[in-house]
Amino acid sequence: MSADARHACISAVSQCLRGEDLQAALNRSLAGAGLSDADKKLVSKIGYGYLRHKTRIDFLLSRMVKGRLKKLPSSLILRLGLAVFELHHLERVPEYATVHWYVEEVKKVFSPRMGKLANAVLREVLRWGEAVHDPQFYWHGTKDRATFLARYYSCPGWIVRLWRNAYGEEACLGLLANSLRQPHTGLRVNRNLSGAEELYASLAEEAEHTFSREWGVALKGPSSLSLSELESAGRISRQSLAAQLVLAELVPSSWSSPIWDACAGRGGKTGALLESTSASVWASDISQEKIRGLQWEMSRLQSAPVPAFVHDAAASPCLRRSPGTILLDAPCSGLGVLSRRPDIKHKRTPKEVERLTRIQQGILNSCLEGLPPGGWMIYVTCTVNPEENEKGVKRFLADAGGRIQLCRAFCPAVPGLNEFFYAALLRRSLPSG
């Protein structure tokens, strides 16, 4: 692994921990680094892997420096953490090469004294060997099971306690284990372009999971096809197979038209709707940048132009014509997709989740005002949190006072996909009499 690759990784993860989306930070760091494709893949693997295991690695480092970890510069802790991840999770990179590079890097960036500290810490990590994979290692200094689980499964304690209290011990352990697994590559074949059936058949042969009803597959390993070329040509879209399953279970072809995708983001579900239904689709998002991304996405898919506009879904409806269906892919804590978005668990806090639940209620209440009698409202999240899911819908129904009814709510799950969603299908009540 080259020095440029490691510097790109340090830069991307550093930007991510300051608040940027991990994939966006990686894209920016890799764009001008001049790396080989192999090094680019390795940088991404280390960046995502480190953030999946960061809490565990931080605990390991805290034992090495005996309580002084918080006194060290965060950029030094990051370099030590990345080195630990390489030593314990990358068999392709020789241990001596990892230790030597990071020690020299610390000397150069900080000081010779810090270089000696880095050398001592990393050699101690090597001496401990497989012991750091033993669950007993993470009971050190505590008798609290939630603290142990947070360390061993590398997840903030508040999330562990939330899941244990809400779903019980067994379900919590399953969610924690899934959060550490590398996700599949989810792909959706654009059925509106020629050759879709042949392309789907080729991808399905390589897939570990398939979903033919929505033309989706989940790849565990690399594909023999050039996914980047297929994506550029609009023939496939990268979308979680679990997300595709949610939409399919809601049967978009049965929704009343037009459909307003009111939290559309960059158009992942907008594109899926255009490929699965003949209904008119509108799209809006609070971010102008995301609307530009959505318009680019529709162009890539070679779809008909979609009326797209900037709008805060929590504000008063701005439409001249009532939609038949409102799709709310609501902003949420993202606790159901930690395997794909490991940076989320290092950014979310209980206060942030409380703020998000208020936003969700505001969106639901505001969109209800723009929904005609008999119209559908689809509420979807990618989180595992009762306050944002079933309890949030229950609060909305209570606030609505009989103006809307819950028709169905579900949490689809495919074993092995490691991602979890919640969906609720609601309908505006018809006038009595």
Protein backbone atom coordinates (compact mmCIF):
# COMPACT_ATOMS: atom_id res chain seq x y z
CA MET A 1 0.00 0.00 0.00
CA SER A 2 1.48 3.34 -1.06
CA ALA A 3 2.09 6.39 1.11
CA ASP A 4 -0.29 8.38 -1.09
CA ALA A 5 -3.03 5.82 -0.44
CA ARG A 6 -2.58 6.03 3.31
CA HIS A 7 -2.56 9.83 3.21
CA ALA A 8 -5.77 9.78 1.17
CA CYS A 9 -7.34 7.50 3.76
CA ILE A 10 -6.24 9.70 6.67
CA SER A 11 -7.64 12.76 4.91
CA ALA A 12 -10.99 11.16 4.09
CA VAL A 13 -11.63 9.71 7.55
CA SER A 14 -10.55 12.97 9.19
CA GLN A 15 -13.03 14.92 7.04
CA CYS A 16 -15.72 12.38 7.86
CA LEU A 17 -15.20 12.67 11.61
CA ARG A 18 -15.56 16.44 11.23
CA GLY A 19 -19.04 15.91 9.84
CA GLU A 20 -18.81 15.05 6.14
CA ASP A 21 -20.43 11.96 4.66
CA LEU A 22 -17.78 9.22 4.44
CA GLN A 23 -18.34 8.34 0.80
CA ALA A 24 -18.24 12.00 -0.24
CA ALA A 25 -15.00 12.46 1.71
CA LEU A 26 -13.48 9.38 0.08
CA ASN A 27 -14.53 10.55 -3.38
CA ARG A 28 -12.85 13.92 -2.82
CA SER A 29 -9.64 12.45 -1.38
CA LEU A 30 -9.30 9.82 -4.08
CA ALA A 31 -10.13 12.14 -6.99
CA GLY A 32 -6.74 13.85 -7.09
CA ALA A 33 -4.55 11.21 -5.49
CA GLY A 34 -3.50 9.46 -8.70
CA LEU A 35 -3.92 6.02 -7.16
CA SER A 36 -4.28 2.66 -8.86
CA ASP A 37 -7.68 0.99 -8.79
CA ALA A 38 -6.33 -1.54 -6.29
CA ASP A 39 -5.17 1.19 -3.91
CA LYS A 40 -8.49 3.04 -4.25
CA LYS A 41 -10.37 -0.09 -3.22
CA LEU A 42 -7.98 -0.61 -0.32
CA VAL A 43 -8.44 2.99 0.89
CA SER A 44 -12.22 2.55 0.86
CA LYS A 45 -11.97 -0.79 2.63
CA ILE A 46 -9.80 0.69 5.39
CA GLY A 47 -11.92 3.82 5.76
CA TYR A 48 -15.18 1.92 6.12
CA GLY A 49 -13.62 -0.87 8.17
CA TYR A 50 -11.96 1.50 10.61
CA LEU A 51 -15.22 3.38 11.25
CA ARG A 52 -17.08 0.09 11.80
CA HIS A 53 -14.52 -0.86 14.47
CA LYS A 54 -13.54 2.56 15.80
CA THR A 55 -15.10 2.24 19.27
CA ARG A 56 -13.39 -1.12 19.83
CA ILE A 57 -10.08 0.24 18.55
CA ASP A 58 -10.33 3.33 20.77
CA PHE A 59 -10.84 1.09 23.80
CA LEU A 60 -7.85 -1.00 22.81
CA LEU A 61 -5.70 2.14 22.47
CA SER A 62 -6.92 3.47 25.81
CA ARG A 63 -5.56 0.34 27.47
CA MET A 64 -2.24 0.80 25.70
CA VAL A 65 -1.68 4.40 26.82
CA LYS A 66 -3.26 3.85 30.25
CA GLY A 67 -5.83 6.62 30.47
CA ARG A 68 -3.94 9.24 28.44
CA LEU A 69 -5.75 8.69 25.15
CA LYS A 70 -8.00 11.75 25.46
CA LYS A 71 -4.94 13.94 26.06
CA LEU A 72 -3.45 13.01 22.69
CA PRO A 73 -4.26 15.01 19.51
CA SER A 74 -7.25 13.57 17.67
CA SER A 75 -5.22 13.38 14.45
CA LEU A 76 -2.64 11.22 16.26
CA ILE A 77 -5.36 8.94 17.64
CA LEU A 78 -6.71 8.58 14.11
CA ARG A 79 -3.33 7.48 12.74
CA LEU A 80 -2.86 4.98 15.56
CA GLY A 81 -6.39 3.68 15.02
CA LEU A 82 -5.91 3.18 11.31
CA ALA A 83 -2.66 1.36 12.00
CA VAL A 84 -4.42 -0.96 14.48
CA PHE A 85 -7.13 -1.68 11.90
CA GLU A 86 -4.49 -2.61 9.33
CA LEU A 87 -2.68 -4.87 11.79
CA HIS A 88 -5.79 -6.82 12.78
CA HIS A 89 -7.97 -6.74 9.66
CA LEU A 90 -5.69 -6.58 6.59
CA GLU A 91 -3.81 -9.78 5.92
CA ARG A 92 -2.41 -8.51 2.60
CA VAL A 93 -0.31 -5.76 4.22
CA PRO A 94 2.80 -7.01 6.13
CA GLU A 95 2.73 -6.07 9.82
CA TYR A 96 6.28 -4.69 9.82
CA ALA A 97 5.43 -2.41 6.88
CA THR A 98 2.37 -1.02 8.67
CA VAL A 99 4.26 -0.35 11.92
CA HIS A 100 7.21 1.26 10.13
CA TRP A 101 5.08 3.55 7.98
CA TYR A 102 2.87 4.84 10.78
CA VAL A 103 5.76 5.36 13.19
CA GLU A 104 7.61 7.42 10.57
CA GLU A 105 4.40 9.30 9.77
CA VAL A 106 3.87 10.19 13.43
CA LYS A 107 7.48 11.34 13.78
CA LYS A 108 7.11 13.58 10.73
CA VAL A 109 3.72 15.08 11.62
CA PHE A 110 4.16 15.34 15.40
CA SER A 111 7.56 14.67 16.95
CA PRO A 112 10.20 11.96 17.53
CA ARG A 113 8.82 11.56 21.06
CA MET A 114 5.36 10.80 19.69
CA GLY A 115 6.99 8.47 17.19
CA LYS A 116 8.40 6.45 20.10
CA LEU A 117 4.93 6.33 21.66
CA ALA A 118 3.44 5.10 18.38
CA ASN A 119 6.12 2.43 18.08
CA ALA A 120 5.52 1.21 21.63
CA VAL A 121 1.73 1.13 21.20
CA LEU A 122 1.75 -0.71 17.87
CA ARG A 123 4.29 -3.28 19.01
CA GLU A 124 2.20 -3.88 22.12
CA VAL A 125 -0.81 -4.47 19.86
CA LEU A 126 1.19 -7.09 18.00
CA ARG A 127 2.28 -8.73 21.25
CA TRP A 128 -1.33 -9.07 22.39
CA GLY A 129 -2.15 -10.80 19.12
CA GLU A 130 -5.42 -12.73 19.01
CA ALA A 131 -6.27 -11.73 22.58
CA VAL A 132 -7.85 -8.52 21.27
CA HIS A 133 -10.47 -10.63 19.45
CA ASP A 134 -11.47 -12.41 22.67
CA PRO A 135 -14.71 -10.98 24.16
CA GLN A 136 -13.19 -11.25 27.65
CA PHE A 137 -10.69 -8.53 26.70
CA TYR A 138 -13.52 -5.98 26.56
CA TRP A 139 -14.78 -6.67 30.10
CA HIS A 140 -11.65 -4.99 31.47
CA GLY A 141 -12.52 -2.45 34.17
CA THR A 142 -16.31 -2.89 33.98
CA LYS A 143 -19.09 -5.19 35.17
CA ASP A 144 -21.74 -3.42 33.11
CA ARG A 145 -22.92 -5.59 30.21
CA ALA A 146 -24.00 -2.61 28.07
CA THR A 147 -20.51 -1.13 28.36
CA PHE A 148 -18.98 -4.47 27.38
CA LEU A 149 -21.29 -4.79 24.37
CA ALA A 150 -20.50 -1.23 23.29
CA ARG A 151 -16.77 -2.00 23.33
CA TYR A 152 -16.89 -5.45 21.77
CA TYR A 153 -19.39 -4.61 19.02
CA SER A 154 -17.94 -1.14 18.49
CA CYS A 155 -21.16 0.77 18.99
CA PRO A 156 -21.94 3.78 21.21
CA GLY A 157 -23.41 2.79 24.55
CA TRP A 158 -26.60 4.80 24.07
CA ILE A 159 -27.46 2.78 20.94
CA VAL A 160 -26.78 -0.49 22.77
CA ARG A 161 -29.08 0.57 25.62
CA LEU A 162 -31.76 1.76 23.20
CA TRP A 163 -31.83 -1.59 21.37
CA ARG A 164 -31.69 -3.70 24.55
CA ASN A 165 -34.55 -1.77 26.15
CA ALA A 166 -36.68 -1.68 23.00
CA TYR A 167 -36.12 -5.14 21.50
CA GLY A 168 -34.48 -7.33 24.14
CA GLU A 169 -31.07 -8.95 24.45
CA GLU A 170 -31.23 -11.44 21.58
CA ALA A 171 -32.44 -8.92 18.98
CA CYS A 172 -29.91 -6.38 20.21
CA LEU A 173 -27.06 -8.85 19.74
CA GLY A 174 -28.24 -9.56 16.21
CA LEU A 175 -28.37 -5.86 15.34
CA LEU A 176 -24.91 -5.27 16.80
CA ALA A 177 -23.37 -8.21 14.93
CA ASN A 178 -24.98 -7.10 11.66
CA SER A 179 -23.64 -3.57 12.06
CA LEU A 180 -20.06 -4.89 11.85
CA ARG A 181 -20.55 -6.95 8.71
CA GLN A 182 -19.61 -5.60 5.32
CA PRO A 183 -22.78 -5.00 3.29
CA HIS A 184 -23.56 -6.42 -0.11
CA THR A 185 -23.42 -4.30 -3.25
CA GLY A 186 -27.06 -3.65 -4.06
CA LEU A 187 -27.92 -3.10 -7.72
CA ARG A 188 -31.17 -2.31 -9.52
CA VAL A 189 -31.40 -3.05 -13.24
CA ASN A 190 -33.11 -0.32 -15.27
CA ARG A 191 -35.92 -2.32 -16.86
CA ASN A 192 -36.83 0.60 -19.13
CA LEU A 193 -33.69 0.20 -21.27
CA SER A 194 -33.13 -2.47 -23.91
CA GLY A 195 -31.27 -5.60 -22.86
CA ALA A 196 -32.55 -5.37 -19.27
CA GLU A 197 -33.60 -9.03 -19.06
CA GLU A 198 -30.24 -10.31 -20.29
CA LEU A 199 -28.34 -8.00 -17.94
CA TYR A 200 -30.43 -9.03 -14.96
CA ALA A 201 -29.86 -12.71 -15.76
CA SER A 202 -26.08 -12.16 -15.91
CA LEU A 203 -26.00 -10.31 -12.60
CA ALA A 204 -28.31 -12.81 -10.93
CA GLU A 205 -25.84 -15.61 -11.70
CA GLU A 206 -23.22 -13.79 -9.58
CA ALA A 207 -25.57 -12.55 -6.85
CA GLU A 208 -25.95 -14.00 -3.39
CA HIS A 209 -29.46 -12.53 -3.15
CA THR A 210 -31.87 -11.67 -5.96
CA PHE A 211 -35.18 -9.91 -6.15
CA SER A 212 -36.60 -10.41 -9.61
CA ARG A 213 -39.88 -8.58 -8.97
CA GLU A 214 -37.94 -5.32 -8.72
CA TRP A 215 -34.99 -6.38 -10.89
CA GLY A 216 -32.61 -6.17 -7.95
CA VAL A 217 -29.56 -8.15 -6.89
CA ALA A 218 -27.09 -8.13 -3.99
CA LEU A 219 -23.48 -9.00 -4.80
CA LYS A 220 -21.19 -10.16 -2.01
CA GLY A 221 -18.01 -10.04 -4.05
CA PRO A 222 -16.76 -8.38 -7.23
CA SER A 223 -18.62 -8.75 -10.51
CA SER A 224 -17.17 -9.97 -13.81
CA LEU A 225 -19.08 -7.11 -15.44
CA SER A 226 -17.91 -3.50 -15.38
CA LEU A 227 -20.38 -2.01 -12.93
CA SER A 228 -19.02 1.51 -13.39
CA GLU A 229 -19.64 1.34 -17.14
CA LEU A 230 -23.13 -0.07 -16.67
CA GLU A 231 -23.88 2.63 -14.13
CA SER A 232 -22.61 5.40 -16.40
CA ALA A 233 -24.83 4.11 -19.19
CA GLY A 234 -27.87 4.21 -16.90
CA ARG A 235 -28.39 0.46 -17.11
CA ILE A 236 -28.02 -0.12 -13.37
CA SER A 237 -28.36 1.91 -10.19
CA ARG A 238 -26.62 1.27 -6.90
CA GLN A 239 -29.38 0.77 -4.38
CA SER A 240 -29.60 -1.45 -1.34
CA LEU A 241 -31.59 -4.60 -2.06
CA ALA A 242 -33.33 -4.12 1.29
CA ALA A 243 -34.46 -0.64 0.17
CA GLN A 244 -35.77 -2.16 -3.06
CA LEU A 245 -37.68 -4.76 -1.05
CA VAL A 246 -39.37 -2.04 1.03
CA LEU A 247 -40.63 -0.22 -2.04
CA ALA A 248 -41.83 -3.42 -3.72
CA GLU A 249 -43.71 -4.56 -0.61
CA LEU A 250 -45.58 -1.23 -0.72
CA VAL A 251 -46.70 -2.00 -4.32
CA PRO A 252 -46.19 1.42 -5.96
CA SER A 253 -48.27 0.35 -8.98
CA SER A 254 -51.32 0.49 -6.69
CA TRP A 255 -50.69 4.03 -5.47
CA SER A 256 -52.88 6.89 -6.63
CA SER A 257 -51.27 9.22 -9.16
CA PRO A 258 -49.54 11.62 -9.15
CA ILE A 259 -46.92 10.52 -6.63
CA TRP A 260 -45.04 13.24 -4.76
CA ASP A 261 -41.62 12.07 -3.52
CA ALA A 262 -41.38 14.79 -0.88
CA CYS A 263 -37.99 13.89 0.65
CA ALA A 264 -36.39 12.75 -2.57
CA GLY A 265 -32.70 13.38 -1.86
CA ARG A 266 -30.68 12.54 -4.98
CA GLY A 267 -33.47 10.49 -6.49
CA GLY A 268 -32.79 6.86 -5.54
CA LYS A 269 -36.45 6.05 -4.91
CA THR A 270 -37.63 8.52 -7.56
CA GLY A 271 -35.78 6.53 -10.20
CA ALA A 272 -37.11 3.26 -8.81
CA LEU A 273 -40.67 4.60 -9.01
CA LEU A 274 -40.22 5.62 -12.63
CA GLU A 275 -39.00 2.10 -13.42
CA SER A 276 -41.83 0.32 -11.59
CA THR A 277 -44.95 2.40 -12.24
CA SER A 278 -46.55 4.43 -15.00
CA ALA A 279 -47.74 7.09 -12.56
CA SER A 280 -46.65 10.71 -12.79
CA VAL A 281 -43.92 11.43 -10.27
CA TRP A 282 -42.94 14.76 -8.69
CA ALA A 283 -39.87 15.20 -6.50
CA SER A 284 -38.74 17.75 -3.95
CA ASP A 285 -36.06 18.11 -1.33
CA ILE A 286 -34.90 20.77 1.08
CA SER A 287 -31.43 20.82 -0.55
CA GLN A 288 -30.81 22.55 -3.87
CA GLU A 289 -27.65 20.48 -4.31
CA LYS A 290 -29.63 17.24 -3.96
CA ILE A 291 -32.22 18.43 -6.46
CA ARG A 292 -29.43 19.05 -8.95
CA GLY A 293 -28.15 15.55 -8.19
CA LEU A 294 -31.65 14.16 -8.73
CA GLN A 295 -31.97 15.85 -12.11
CA TRP A 296 -28.60 14.43 -13.12
CA GLU A 297 -29.73 10.99 -11.94
CA MET A 298 -32.90 11.14 -14.05
CA SER A 299 -30.79 12.10 -17.06
CA ARG A 300 -28.40 9.20 -16.39
CA LEU A 301 -31.34 6.79 -16.29
CA GLN A 302 -32.62 8.23 -19.59
CA SER A 303 -36.01 8.77 -17.99
CA ALA A 304 -38.55 11.45 -18.80
CA PRO A 305 -37.90 14.74 -16.97
CA VAL A 306 -39.35 14.81 -13.45
CA PRO A 307 -40.86 18.01 -12.02
CA ALA A 308 -38.31 18.64 -9.25
CA PHE A 309 -38.15 21.59 -6.88
CA VAL A 310 -36.68 22.76 -3.61
CA HIS A 311 -39.12 22.48 -0.73
CA ASP A 312 -39.01 21.76 3.00
CA ALA A 313 -41.48 18.91 3.52
CA ALA A 314 -42.11 20.19 7.05
CA ALA A 315 -43.35 23.54 5.68
CA SER A 316 -46.85 24.24 4.38
CA PRO A 317 -47.59 22.39 1.12
CA CYS A 318 -46.74 24.47 -1.95
CA LEU A 319 -48.49 22.46 -4.66
CA ARG A 320 -51.16 23.89 -6.96
CA ARG A 321 -52.54 20.40 -7.55
CA SER A 322 -53.08 17.72 -4.91
CA PRO A 323 -51.01 14.54 -5.17
CA GLY A 324 -52.66 11.15 -5.03
CA THR A 325 -49.81 9.74 -2.96
CA ILE A 326 -47.06 11.32 -0.86
CA LEU A 327 -43.89 9.28 -0.35
CA LEU A 328 -41.93 10.31 2.73
CA ASP A 329 -38.49 8.70 2.80
CA ALA A 330 -38.03 10.59 6.03
CA PRO A 331 -34.79 11.97 7.44
CA CYS A 332 -33.91 9.63 10.29
CA SER A 333 -31.08 8.45 12.55
CA GLY A 334 -30.04 5.74 10.06
CA LEU A 335 -29.50 3.11 12.77
CA GLY A 336 -30.76 0.40 10.42
CA VAL A 337 -27.94 0.87 7.90
CA LEU A 338 -24.86 1.06 10.13
CA SER A 339 -23.13 -1.68 8.12
CA ARG A 340 -23.32 0.53 5.01
CA ARG A 341 -22.97 3.88 6.82
CA PRO A 342 -20.66 3.21 9.81
CA ASP A 343 -19.85 6.91 10.17
CA ILE A 344 -23.42 7.51 11.39
CA LYS A 345 -22.85 5.92 14.78
CA HIS A 346 -19.98 8.32 15.52
CA LYS A 347 -22.06 11.39 14.62
CA ARG A 348 -25.53 10.71 16.02
CA THR A 349 -26.39 11.55 19.62
CA PRO A 350 -29.58 11.06 21.66
CA LYS A 351 -30.30 14.79 21.34
CA GLU A 352 -29.86 14.60 17.57
CA VAL A 353 -32.32 11.70 17.43
CA GLU A 354 -34.83 13.70 19.48
CA ARG A 355 -34.45 16.55 16.99
CA LEU A 356 -35.04 14.16 14.10
CA THR A 357 -38.23 12.80 15.66
CA ARG A 358 -39.57 16.36 15.88
CA ILE A 359 -38.69 16.91 12.21
CA GLN A 360 -40.46 13.67 11.26
CA GLN A 361 -43.61 14.73 13.11
CA GLY A 362 -43.48 18.12 11.42
CA ILE A 363 -43.19 16.51 7.99
CA LEU A 364 -46.05 14.09 8.63
CA ASN A 365 -48.36 16.80 9.95
CA SER A 366 -47.56 19.26 7.16
CA CYS A 367 -47.93 16.72 4.36
CA LEU A 368 -51.26 15.58 5.75
CA GLU A 369 -52.62 19.05 4.97
CA GLY A 370 -51.74 18.59 1.29
CA LEU A 371 -53.22 15.09 0.98
CA PRO A 372 -56.75 14.81 -0.43
CA PRO A 373 -59.38 12.44 1.04
CA GLY A 374 -58.59 8.89 -0.06
CA GLY A 375 -54.96 9.80 -0.81
CA TRP A 376 -52.06 7.61 0.31
CA MET A 377 -49.14 8.57 2.53
CA ILE A 378 -46.09 6.30 2.60
CA TYR A 379 -43.72 6.75 5.55
CA VAL A 380 -40.32 5.01 5.30
CA THR A 381 -37.21 5.11 7.51
CA CYS A 382 -33.90 3.25 7.51
CA THR A 383 -33.63 3.16 11.29
CA VAL A 384 -34.24 0.72 14.12
CA ASN A 385 -35.77 2.94 16.80
CA PRO A 386 -39.39 2.78 18.04
CA GLU A 387 -39.52 6.54 18.61
CA GLU A 388 -38.91 7.17 14.90
CA ASN A 389 -40.94 4.21 13.67
CA GLU A 390 -44.03 2.71 15.28
CA LYS A 391 -44.24 5.19 18.18
CA GLY A 392 -43.73 8.09 15.79
CA VAL A 393 -46.59 6.88 13.58
CA LYS A 394 -48.77 6.37 16.67
CA ARG A 395 -48.14 9.98 17.76
CA PHE A 396 -48.99 11.20 14.26
CA LEU A 397 -52.26 9.25 14.22
CA ALA A 398 -53.18 10.71 17.60
CA ASP A 399 -52.41 14.26 16.41
CA ALA A 400 -54.41 13.68 13.20
CA GLY A 401 -57.54 12.87 15.18
CA GLY A 402 -59.04 10.35 12.78
CA ARG A 403 -58.15 12.23 9.59
CA ILE A 404 -55.80 9.44 8.50
CA GLN A 405 -55.73 5.69 9.06
CA LEU A 406 -52.88 3.19 9.32
CA CYS A 407 -53.40 0.44 6.75
CA ARG A 408 -50.18 -1.49 7.22
CA ALA A 409 -46.79 -1.25 8.94
CA PHE A 410 -43.88 -3.64 8.55
CA CYS A 411 -40.12 -4.10 8.93
CA PRO A 412 -38.93 -6.22 5.97
CA ALA A 413 -35.76 -8.20 6.50
CA VAL A 414 -33.73 -10.50 4.29
CA PRO A 415 -31.28 -12.72 6.21
CA GLY A 416 -27.75 -11.79 5.33
CA LEU A 417 -28.43 -8.27 4.03
CA ASN A 418 -27.59 -6.58 7.37
CA GLU A 419 -29.92 -3.63 6.71
CA PHE A 420 -33.23 -2.78 8.32
CA PHE A 421 -36.09 -0.50 7.26
CA TYR A 422 -39.51 0.45 8.57
CA ALA A 423 -42.51 1.32 6.42
CA ALA A 424 -46.04 2.47 7.15
CA LEU A 425 -48.85 2.72 4.60
CA LEU A 426 -51.42 5.34 5.63
CA ARG A 427 -54.57 6.66 3.93
CA ARG A 428 -56.43 9.93 4.34
CA SER A 429 -59.91 9.27 5.61
CA LEU A 430 -62.86 9.80 3.30
CA PRO A 431 -65.60 12.21 4.42
CA SER A 432 -68.22 10.51 6.52
CA GLY A 433 -71.57 10.00 4.90
